[in-house]
Full PDB file with SEQRES, HELIX, SHEET, SSBOND, CRYST1, ORIGX, SCALE, CONECT and MASTER records, all heavy atoms in Angstrom:
SEQRES   1 A   34  GLU VAL ILE ARG LEU SER GLY MET ASN LEU VAL ILE ASN          
SEQRES   2 A   34  ASP MET ASP MET PRO LEU ILE ILE LYS VAL ALA SER ILE          
SEQRES   3 A   34  PRO ARG GLU ARG ILE GLN VAL TYR                              
HELIX    1 AA1 ILE A    3  LEU A    5  5                                   3    
SHEET    1 AA1 2 MET A   8  ILE A  12  0                                        
SHEET    2 AA1 2 MET A  15  LEU A  19 -1                                        
SHEET    1 AA2 2 ALA A  24  ILE A  26  0                                        
SHEET    2 AA2 2 ILE A  31  VAL A  33 -1                                        
CRYST1    1.000    1.000    1.000  90.00  90.00  90.00 P 1           1          
ORIGX1      1.000000  0.000000  0.000000        0.00000                         
ORIGX2      0.000000  1.000000  0.000000        0.00000                         
ORIGX3      0.000000  0.000000  1.000000        0.00000                         
SCALE1      1.000000  0.000000  0.000000        0.00000                         
SCALE2      0.000000  1.000000  0.000000        0.00000                         
SCALE3      0.000000  0.000000  1.000000        0.00000                         
ATOM      1  N   GLU A   1       4.166   4.777  -5.341  1.00  0.00           N  
ATOM      2  CA  GLU A   1       3.067   3.775  -5.298  1.00  0.00           C  
ATOM      3  C   GLU A   1       3.584   2.463  -5.898  1.00  0.00           C  
ATOM      4  O   GLU A   1       4.357   2.549  -6.879  1.00  0.00           O  
ATOM      5  CB  GLU A   1       1.854   4.412  -5.953  1.00  0.00           C  
ATOM      6  CG  GLU A   1       0.690   3.397  -5.982  1.00  0.00           C  
ATOM      7  CD  GLU A   1      -0.607   3.986  -6.595  1.00  0.00           C  
ATOM      8  OE1 GLU A   1      -0.496   5.161  -6.901  1.00  0.00           O  
ATOM      9  OE2 GLU A   1      -1.546   3.266  -6.790  1.00  0.00           O  
ATOM     10  N   VAL A   2       3.059   1.402  -5.425  1.00  0.00           N  
ATOM     11  CA  VAL A   2       3.451   0.059  -6.067  1.00  0.00           C  
ATOM     12  C   VAL A   2       2.054  -0.301  -6.817  1.00  0.00           C  
ATOM     13  O   VAL A   2       1.170  -0.813  -6.276  1.00  0.00           O  
ATOM     14  CB  VAL A   2       3.815  -1.014  -4.975  1.00  0.00           C  
ATOM     15  CG1 VAL A   2       4.182  -2.251  -5.732  1.00  0.00           C  
ATOM     16  CG2 VAL A   2       4.937  -0.537  -4.126  1.00  0.00           C  
ATOM     17  N   ILE A   3       2.074  -0.074  -8.162  1.00  0.00           N  
ATOM     18  CA  ILE A   3       0.974  -0.252  -8.993  1.00  0.00           C  
ATOM     19  C   ILE A   3       0.424  -1.664  -8.849  1.00  0.00           C  
ATOM     20  O   ILE A   3      -0.846  -1.913  -8.750  1.00  0.00           O  
ATOM     21  CB  ILE A   3       1.134   0.179 -10.480  1.00  0.00           C  
ATOM     22  CG1 ILE A   3       1.684   1.580 -10.473  1.00  0.00           C  
ATOM     23  CG2 ILE A   3      -0.044  -0.023 -11.187  1.00  0.00           C  
ATOM     24  CD1 ILE A   3       0.635   2.650  -9.921  1.00  0.00           C  
ATOM     25  N   ARG A   4       1.388  -2.659  -8.917  1.00  0.00           N  
ATOM     26  CA  ARG A   4       0.946  -4.038  -8.974  1.00  0.00           C  
ATOM     27  C   ARG A   4       0.166  -4.524  -7.643  1.00  0.00           C  
ATOM     28  O   ARG A   4      -0.459  -5.519  -7.614  1.00  0.00           O  
ATOM     29  CB  ARG A   4       2.034  -5.038  -9.322  1.00  0.00           C  
ATOM     30  CG  ARG A   4       3.080  -5.105  -8.088  1.00  0.00           C  
ATOM     31  CD  ARG A   4       4.240  -5.916  -8.536  1.00  0.00           C  
ATOM     32  NE  ARG A   4       5.299  -5.942  -7.476  1.00  0.00           N  
ATOM     33  CZ  ARG A   4       5.253  -6.840  -6.467  1.00  0.00           C  
ATOM     34  NH1 ARG A   4       4.379  -7.721  -6.417  1.00  0.00           N  
ATOM     35  NH2 ARG A   4       6.291  -6.777  -5.590  1.00  0.00           N  
ATOM     36  N   LEU A   5       0.414  -3.782  -6.540  1.00  0.00           N  
ATOM     37  CA  LEU A   5      -0.229  -4.121  -5.297  1.00  0.00           C  
ATOM     38  C   LEU A   5      -1.404  -3.292  -4.941  1.00  0.00           C  
ATOM     39  O   LEU A   5      -2.256  -3.607  -4.145  1.00  0.00           O  
ATOM     40  CB  LEU A   5       0.835  -3.974  -4.105  1.00  0.00           C  
ATOM     41  CG  LEU A   5       2.033  -4.792  -4.175  1.00  0.00           C  
ATOM     42  CD1 LEU A   5       3.030  -4.478  -3.063  1.00  0.00           C  
ATOM     43  CD2 LEU A   5       1.702  -6.418  -4.002  1.00  0.00           C  
ATOM     44  N   SER A   6      -1.502  -2.103  -5.658  1.00  0.00           N  
ATOM     45  CA  SER A   6      -2.664  -1.221  -5.441  1.00  0.00           C  
ATOM     46  C   SER A   6      -3.823  -1.621  -6.317  1.00  0.00           C  
ATOM     47  O   SER A   6      -3.812  -2.551  -7.126  1.00  0.00           O  
ATOM     48  CB  SER A   6      -2.249   0.208  -5.764  1.00  0.00           C  
ATOM     49  OG  SER A   6      -1.220   0.596  -4.925  1.00  0.00           O  
ATOM     50  N   GLY A   7      -4.997  -0.918  -6.107  1.00  0.00           N  
ATOM     51  CA  GLY A   7      -6.076  -1.034  -6.901  1.00  0.00           C  
ATOM     52  C   GLY A   7      -7.152  -2.007  -6.455  1.00  0.00           C  
ATOM     53  O   GLY A   7      -8.267  -2.075  -7.005  1.00  0.00           O  
ATOM     54  N   MET A   8      -6.994  -2.448  -5.225  1.00  0.00           N  
ATOM     55  CA  MET A   8      -8.046  -3.434  -4.603  1.00  0.00           C  
ATOM     56  C   MET A   8      -8.976  -2.586  -3.872  1.00  0.00           C  
ATOM     57  O   MET A   8      -8.550  -1.524  -3.290  1.00  0.00           O  
ATOM     58  CB  MET A   8      -7.344  -4.427  -3.766  1.00  0.00           C  
ATOM     59  CG  MET A   8      -8.309  -5.457  -3.115  1.00  0.00           C  
ATOM     60  SD  MET A   8      -7.403  -6.398  -1.911  1.00  0.00           S  
ATOM     61  CE  MET A   8      -5.924  -6.922  -2.710  1.00  0.00           C  
ATOM     62  N   ASN A   9     -10.305  -2.851  -3.709  1.00  0.00           N  
ATOM     63  CA  ASN A   9     -11.131  -2.280  -2.892  1.00  0.00           C  
ATOM     64  C   ASN A   9     -11.340  -3.145  -1.577  1.00  0.00           C  
ATOM     65  O   ASN A   9     -11.582  -4.308  -1.770  1.00  0.00           O  
ATOM     66  CB  ASN A   9     -12.531  -2.069  -3.561  1.00  0.00           C  
ATOM     67  CG  ASN A   9     -12.520  -0.780  -4.454  1.00  0.00           C  
ATOM     68  OD1 ASN A   9     -11.571  -0.145  -4.475  1.00  0.00           O  
ATOM     69  ND2 ASN A   9     -13.606  -0.535  -5.100  1.00  0.00           N  
ATOM     70  N   LEU A  10     -11.388  -2.500  -0.409  1.00  0.00           N  
ATOM     71  CA  LEU A  10     -11.668  -3.231   0.852  1.00  0.00           C  
ATOM     72  C   LEU A  10     -13.033  -2.720   1.289  1.00  0.00           C  
ATOM     73  O   LEU A  10     -13.340  -1.608   1.205  1.00  0.00           O  
ATOM     74  CB  LEU A  10     -10.571  -2.934   1.824  1.00  0.00           C  
ATOM     75  CG  LEU A  10      -9.129  -3.316   1.524  1.00  0.00           C  
ATOM     76  CD1 LEU A  10      -8.183  -2.875   2.714  1.00  0.00           C  
ATOM     77  CD2 LEU A  10      -8.966  -4.736   1.167  1.00  0.00           C  
ATOM     78  N   VAL A  11     -13.868  -3.712   1.771  1.00  0.00           N  
ATOM     79  CA  VAL A  11     -15.183  -3.280   2.214  1.00  0.00           C  
ATOM     80  C   VAL A  11     -15.122  -3.108   3.688  1.00  0.00           C  
ATOM     81  O   VAL A  11     -14.725  -3.807   4.441  1.00  0.00           O  
ATOM     82  CB  VAL A  11     -16.261  -4.516   2.050  1.00  0.00           C  
ATOM     83  CG1 VAL A  11     -17.461  -4.155   2.529  1.00  0.00           C  
ATOM     84  CG2 VAL A  11     -16.241  -4.774   0.484  1.00  0.00           C  
ATOM     85  N   ILE A  12     -15.464  -1.838   4.120  1.00  0.00           N  
ATOM     86  CA  ILE A  12     -15.472  -1.312   5.494  1.00  0.00           C  
ATOM     87  C   ILE A  12     -16.850  -0.909   5.736  1.00  0.00           C  
ATOM     88  O   ILE A  12     -17.364   0.057   5.263  1.00  0.00           O  
ATOM     89  CB  ILE A  12     -14.451  -0.187   5.723  1.00  0.00           C  
ATOM     90  CG1 ILE A  12     -13.077  -0.491   5.291  1.00  0.00           C  
ATOM     91  CG2 ILE A  12     -14.579   0.122   7.218  1.00  0.00           C  
ATOM     92  CD1 ILE A  12     -12.414  -1.646   6.023  1.00  0.00           C  
ATOM     93  N   ASN A  13     -17.688  -1.699   6.533  1.00  0.00           N  
ATOM     94  CA  ASN A  13     -18.900  -1.361   7.038  1.00  0.00           C  
ATOM     95  C   ASN A  13     -19.883  -1.189   5.718  1.00  0.00           C  
ATOM     96  O   ASN A  13     -20.564  -0.163   5.636  1.00  0.00           O  
ATOM     97  CB  ASN A  13     -18.989  -0.094   7.922  1.00  0.00           C  
ATOM     98  CG  ASN A  13     -20.252  -0.027   8.654  1.00  0.00           C  
ATOM     99  OD1 ASN A  13     -20.741  -1.084   9.136  1.00  0.00           O  
ATOM    100  ND2 ASN A  13     -20.742   1.213   8.840  1.00  0.00           N  
ATOM    101  N   ASP A  14     -19.744  -2.025   4.767  1.00  0.00           N  
ATOM    102  CA  ASP A  14     -20.537  -1.986   3.542  1.00  0.00           C  
ATOM    103  C   ASP A  14     -20.164  -0.841   2.561  1.00  0.00           C  
ATOM    104  O   ASP A  14     -20.897  -0.534   1.611  1.00  0.00           O  
ATOM    105  CB  ASP A  14     -22.045  -1.804   3.858  1.00  0.00           C  
ATOM    106  CG  ASP A  14     -22.840  -2.355   2.745  1.00  0.00           C  
ATOM    107  OD1 ASP A  14     -22.411  -3.310   1.970  1.00  0.00           O  
ATOM    108  OD2 ASP A  14     -24.135  -2.066   2.602  1.00  0.00           O  
ATOM    109  N   MET A  15     -18.984  -0.329   2.737  1.00  0.00           N  
ATOM    110  CA  MET A  15     -18.493   0.821   1.785  1.00  0.00           C  
ATOM    111  C   MET A  15     -17.217   0.176   1.129  1.00  0.00           C  
ATOM    112  O   MET A  15     -16.389  -0.304   1.842  1.00  0.00           O  
ATOM    113  CB  MET A  15     -18.175   2.033   2.534  1.00  0.00           C  
ATOM    114  CG  MET A  15     -19.370   2.804   3.186  1.00  0.00           C  
ATOM    115  SD  MET A  15     -18.919   4.313   3.871  1.00  0.00           S  
ATOM    116  CE  MET A  15     -17.835   3.788   5.189  1.00  0.00           C  
ATOM    117  N   ASP A  16     -17.095   0.444  -0.208  1.00  0.00           N  
ATOM    118  CA  ASP A  16     -15.882   0.081  -0.851  1.00  0.00           C  
ATOM    119  C   ASP A  16     -14.851   1.169  -0.709  1.00  0.00           C  
ATOM    120  O   ASP A  16     -14.970   2.339  -1.137  1.00  0.00           O  
ATOM    121  CB  ASP A  16     -16.153  -0.211  -2.372  1.00  0.00           C  
ATOM    122  CG  ASP A  16     -16.809  -1.550  -2.607  1.00  0.00           C  
ATOM    123  OD1 ASP A  16     -16.774  -2.369  -1.729  1.00  0.00           O  
ATOM    124  OD2 ASP A  16     -17.289  -1.737  -3.735  1.00  0.00           O  
ATOM    125  N   MET A  17     -13.677   0.764  -0.084  1.00  0.00           N  
ATOM    126  CA  MET A  17     -12.579   1.836   0.108  1.00  0.00           C  
ATOM    127  C   MET A  17     -11.446   1.362  -0.621  1.00  0.00           C  
ATOM    128  O   MET A  17     -10.852   0.322  -0.402  1.00  0.00           O  
ATOM    129  CB  MET A  17     -12.286   1.968   1.600  1.00  0.00           C  
ATOM    130  CG  MET A  17     -13.613   2.237   2.486  1.00  0.00           C  
ATOM    131  SD  MET A  17     -14.409   3.777   1.916  1.00  0.00           S  
ATOM    132  CE  MET A  17     -13.188   5.006   2.561  1.00  0.00           C  
ATOM    133  N   PRO A  18     -10.962   2.206  -1.606  1.00  0.00           N  
ATOM    134  CA  PRO A  18      -9.747   1.835  -2.399  1.00  0.00           C  
ATOM    135  C   PRO A  18      -8.399   1.694  -1.598  1.00  0.00           C  
ATOM    136  O   PRO A  18      -8.170   2.485  -0.793  1.00  0.00           O  
ATOM    137  CB  PRO A  18      -9.642   2.946  -3.452  1.00  0.00           C  
ATOM    138  CG  PRO A  18     -10.923   3.630  -3.440  1.00  0.00           C  
ATOM    139  CD  PRO A  18     -11.484   3.462  -2.104  1.00  0.00           C  
ATOM    140  N   LEU A  19      -7.680   0.678  -1.871  1.00  0.00           N  
ATOM    141  CA  LEU A  19      -6.375   0.388  -1.228  1.00  0.00           C  
ATOM    142  C   LEU A  19      -5.313   0.801  -2.023  1.00  0.00           C  
ATOM    143  O   LEU A  19      -5.123   0.366  -3.280  1.00  0.00           O  
ATOM    144  CB  LEU A  19      -6.285  -1.070  -0.811  1.00  0.00           C  
ATOM    145  CG  LEU A  19      -4.923  -1.624  -0.260  1.00  0.00           C  
ATOM    146  CD1 LEU A  19      -4.679  -0.889   1.103  1.00  0.00           C  
ATOM    147  CD2 LEU A  19      -4.837  -3.077  -0.131  1.00  0.00           C  
ATOM    148  N   ILE A  20      -4.387   1.641  -1.580  1.00  0.00           N  
ATOM    149  CA  ILE A  20      -3.308   2.173  -2.307  1.00  0.00           C  
ATOM    150  C   ILE A  20      -2.030   1.636  -1.412  1.00  0.00           C  
ATOM    151  O   ILE A  20      -1.950   1.868  -0.137  1.00  0.00           O  
ATOM    152  CB  ILE A  20      -3.134   3.636  -2.424  1.00  0.00           C  
ATOM    153  CG1 ILE A  20      -4.435   4.104  -3.190  1.00  0.00           C  
ATOM    154  CG2 ILE A  20      -1.960   4.110  -3.111  1.00  0.00           C  
ATOM    155  CD1 ILE A  20      -4.762   5.645  -3.118  1.00  0.00           C  
ATOM    156  N   ILE A  21      -1.090   1.109  -2.130  1.00  0.00           N  
ATOM    157  CA  ILE A  21       0.197   0.592  -1.364  1.00  0.00           C  
ATOM    158  C   ILE A  21       1.363   1.437  -1.933  1.00  0.00           C  
ATOM    159  O   ILE A  21       1.573   1.653  -3.088  1.00  0.00           O  
ATOM    160  CB  ILE A  21       0.464  -0.821  -1.822  1.00  0.00           C  
ATOM    161  CG1 ILE A  21      -0.715  -1.723  -1.325  1.00  0.00           C  
ATOM    162  CG2 ILE A  21       1.749  -1.327  -1.065  1.00  0.00           C  
ATOM    163  CD1 ILE A  21      -1.045  -1.631   0.127  1.00  0.00           C  
ATOM    164  N   LYS A  22       2.067   2.107  -1.017  1.00  0.00           N  
ATOM    165  CA  LYS A  22       3.321   2.774  -1.331  1.00  0.00           C  
ATOM    166  C   LYS A  22       4.557   2.154  -0.666  1.00  0.00           C  
ATOM    167  O   LYS A  22       4.264   1.316   0.391  1.00  0.00           O  
ATOM    168  CB  LYS A  22       3.101   4.287  -0.870  1.00  0.00           C  
ATOM    169  CG  LYS A  22       2.045   4.964  -1.720  1.00  0.00           C  
ATOM    170  CD  LYS A  22       1.726   6.356  -1.296  1.00  0.00           C  
ATOM    171  CE  LYS A  22       0.613   6.990  -2.158  1.00  0.00           C  
ATOM    172  NZ  LYS A  22       0.330   8.379  -1.838  1.00  0.00           N  
ATOM    173  N   VAL A  23       5.642   2.443  -1.067  1.00  0.00           N  
ATOM    174  CA  VAL A  23       6.876   1.862  -0.522  1.00  0.00           C  
ATOM    175  C   VAL A  23       7.942   2.784  -0.284  1.00  0.00           C  
ATOM    176  O   VAL A  23       7.987   3.855  -1.160  1.00  0.00           O  
ATOM    177  CB  VAL A  23       7.261   0.550  -1.331  1.00  0.00           C  
ATOM    178  CG1 VAL A  23       7.832   0.976  -2.672  1.00  0.00           C  
ATOM    179  CG2 VAL A  23       8.194  -0.348  -0.570  1.00  0.00           C  
ATOM    180  N   ALA A  24       8.726   2.642   0.574  1.00  0.00           N  
ATOM    181  CA  ALA A  24      10.030   3.574   0.688  1.00  0.00           C  
ATOM    182  C   ALA A  24      11.101   2.657   1.321  1.00  0.00           C  
ATOM    183  O   ALA A  24      10.801   1.492   1.914  1.00  0.00           O  
ATOM    184  CB  ALA A  24       9.684   4.675   1.662  1.00  0.00           C  
ATOM    185  N   SER A  25      12.325   3.184   1.404  1.00  0.00           N  
ATOM    186  CA  SER A  25      13.431   2.449   2.069  1.00  0.00           C  
ATOM    187  C   SER A  25      14.120   3.370   3.103  1.00  0.00           C  
ATOM    188  O   SER A  25      14.180   4.494   2.931  1.00  0.00           O  
ATOM    189  CB  SER A  25      14.494   2.031   0.931  1.00  0.00           C  
ATOM    190  OG  SER A  25      13.923   1.137   0.115  1.00  0.00           O  
ATOM    191  N   ILE A  26      14.455   2.669   4.204  1.00  0.00           N  
ATOM    192  CA  ILE A  26      15.329   3.396   5.258  1.00  0.00           C  
ATOM    193  C   ILE A  26      16.796   3.164   4.768  1.00  0.00           C  
ATOM    194  O   ILE A  26      17.277   2.091   4.833  1.00  0.00           O  
ATOM    195  CB  ILE A  26      15.093   2.760   6.565  1.00  0.00           C  
ATOM    196  CG1 ILE A  26      13.631   2.856   6.921  1.00  0.00           C  
ATOM    197  CG2 ILE A  26      15.927   3.561   7.607  1.00  0.00           C  
ATOM    198  CD1 ILE A  26      13.201   2.199   8.273  1.00  0.00           C  
ATOM    199  N   PRO A  27      17.400   4.115   4.111  1.00  0.00           N  
ATOM    200  CA  PRO A  27      18.739   3.915   3.367  1.00  0.00           C  
ATOM    201  C   PRO A  27      19.747   3.261   4.230  1.00  0.00           C  
ATOM    202  O   PRO A  27      20.417   2.275   3.777  1.00  0.00           O  
ATOM    203  CB  PRO A  27      18.972   5.342   2.986  1.00  0.00           C  
ATOM    204  CG  PRO A  27      17.804   6.063   2.941  1.00  0.00           C  
ATOM    205  CD  PRO A  27      16.923   5.499   4.087  1.00  0.00           C  
ATOM    206  N   ARG A  28      19.917   3.787   5.421  1.00  0.00           N  
ATOM    207  CA  ARG A  28      21.257   3.316   6.187  1.00  0.00           C  
ATOM    208  C   ARG A  28      21.049   1.872   6.618  1.00  0.00           C  
ATOM    209  O   ARG A  28      22.019   1.215   6.861  1.00  0.00           O  
ATOM    210  CB  ARG A  28      21.520   4.238   7.413  1.00  0.00           C  
ATOM    211  CG  ARG A  28      20.527   4.265   8.406  1.00  0.00           C  
ATOM    212  CD  ARG A  28      20.956   5.072   9.585  1.00  0.00           C  
ATOM    213  NE  ARG A  28      19.883   5.270  10.726  1.00  0.00           N  
ATOM    214  CZ  ARG A  28      18.864   6.053  10.672  1.00  0.00           C  
ATOM    215  NH1 ARG A  28      18.793   6.912   9.643  1.00  0.00           N  
ATOM    216  NH2 ARG A  28      18.053   6.096  11.660  1.00  0.00           N  
ATOM    217  N   GLU A  29      19.811   1.354   6.667  1.00  0.00           N  
ATOM    218  CA  GLU A  29      19.542  -0.024   7.052  1.00  0.00           C  
ATOM    219  C   GLU A  29      19.241  -0.979   5.854  1.00  0.00           C  
ATOM    220  O   GLU A  29      19.047  -2.165   6.138  1.00  0.00           O  
ATOM    221  CB  GLU A  29      18.507  -0.067   8.197  1.00  0.00           C  
ATOM    222  CG  GLU A  29      18.820   0.720   9.428  1.00  0.00           C  
ATOM    223  CD  GLU A  29      19.966  -0.024  10.203  1.00  0.00           C  
ATOM    224  OE1 GLU A  29      20.299  -1.168   9.925  1.00  0.00           O  
ATOM    225  OE2 GLU A  29      20.584   0.676  11.032  1.00  0.00           O  
ATOM    226  N   ARG A  30      18.954  -0.380   4.767  1.00  0.00           N  
ATOM    227  CA  ARG A  30      18.424  -1.093   3.569  1.00  0.00           C  
ATOM    228  C   ARG A  30      17.240  -1.909   3.934  1.00  0.00           C  
ATOM    229  O   ARG A  30      17.037  -3.014   3.650  1.00  0.00           O  
ATOM    230  CB  ARG A  30      19.520  -2.155   3.099  1.00  0.00           C  
ATOM    231  CG  ARG A  30      20.830  -1.345   2.509  1.00  0.00           C  
ATOM    232  CD  ARG A  30      21.763  -2.401   2.039  1.00  0.00           C  
ATOM    233  NE  ARG A  30      22.918  -1.551   1.477  1.00  0.00           N  
ATOM    234  CZ  ARG A  30      24.005  -2.133   0.987  1.00  0.00           C  
ATOM    235  NH1 ARG A  30      24.052  -3.585   0.878  1.00  0.00           N  
ATOM    236  NH2 ARG A  30      25.075  -1.509   0.530  1.00  0.00           N  
ATOM    237  N   ILE A  31      16.319  -1.269   4.688  1.00  0.00           N  
ATOM    238  CA  ILE A  31      15.026  -1.850   5.064  1.00  0.00           C  
ATOM    239  C   ILE A  31      13.893  -1.174   4.240  1.00  0.00           C  
ATOM    240  O   ILE A  31      13.781   0.082   4.146  1.00  0.00           O  
ATOM    241  CB  ILE A  31      14.838  -1.593   6.589  1.00  0.00           C  
ATOM    242  CG1 ILE A  31      15.765  -2.511   7.373  1.00  0.00           C  
ATOM    243  CG2 ILE A  31      13.330  -1.940   6.952  1.00  0.00           C  
ATOM    244  CD1 ILE A  31      15.722  -2.312   8.933  1.00  0.00           C  
ATOM    245  N   GLN A  32      13.051  -1.988   3.703  1.00  0.00           N  
ATOM    246  CA  GLN A  32      11.908  -1.492   2.878  1.00  0.00           C  
ATOM    247  C   GLN A  32      10.742  -1.469   3.754  1.00  0.00           C  
ATOM    248  O   GLN A  32      10.338  -2.338   4.632  1.00  0.00           O  
ATOM    249  CB  GLN A  32      11.703  -2.389   1.673  1.00  0.00           C  
ATOM    250  CG  GLN A  32      10.812  -1.674   0.610  1.00  0.00           C  
ATOM    251  CD  GLN A  32      10.834  -2.696  -0.653  1.00  0.00           C  
ATOM    252  OE1 GLN A  32      10.540  -3.783  -0.639  1.00  0.00           O  
ATOM    253  NE2 GLN A  32      11.305  -2.027  -1.750  1.00  0.00           N  
ATOM    254  N   VAL A  33       9.916  -0.370   3.543  1.00  0.00           N  
ATOM    255  CA  VAL A  33       8.568  -0.154   4.372  1.00  0.00           C  
ATOM    256  C   VAL A  33       7.501  -0.055   3.454  1.00  0.00           C  
ATOM    257  O   VAL A  33       7.564   0.705   2.518  1.00  0.00           O  
ATOM    258  CB  VAL A  33       8.727   0.988   5.339  1.00  0.00           C  
ATOM    259  CG1 VAL A  33       7.497   1.242   6.036  1.00  0.00           C  
ATOM    260  CG2 VAL A  33       9.940   0.864   6.290  1.00  0.00           C  
ATOM    261  N   TYR A  34       6.475  -0.865   3.677  1.00  0.00           N  
ATOM    262  CA  TYR A  34       5.204  -0.683   2.931  1.00  0.00           C  
ATOM    263  C   TYR A  34       4.212   0.227   3.686  1.00  0.00           C  
ATOM    264  O   TYR A  34       4.013   0.108   4.823  1.00  0.00           O  
ATOM    265  CB  TYR A  34       4.551  -2.081   2.741  1.00  0.00           C  
ATOM    266  CG  TYR A  34       5.324  -3.016   1.788  1.00  0.00           C  
ATOM    267  CD1 TYR A  34       6.356  -3.836   2.397  1.00  0.00           C  
ATOM    268  CD2 TYR A  34       5.091  -3.070   0.496  1.00  0.00           C  
ATOM    269  CE1 TYR A  34       7.127  -4.589   1.499  1.00  0.00           C  
ATOM    270  CE2 TYR A  34       5.835  -3.905  -0.377  1.00  0.00           C  
ATOM    271  CZ  TYR A  34       6.848  -4.676   0.219  1.00  0.00           C  
ATOM    272  OH  TYR A  34       7.528  -5.523  -0.637  1.00  0.00           O  
TER     273      TYR A  34                                                      
MASTER        0    0    0    1    4    0    0    6  272    1    0    3          
END                                                                             
């Protein structure tokens, strides 16, 4: 988890839904994925 990017709530049809952001890397390509 990327703490600095997580923690926001998104409103979906009048409901607050917490947003969590995680990250990983594809090693052989040095590509980061959110």
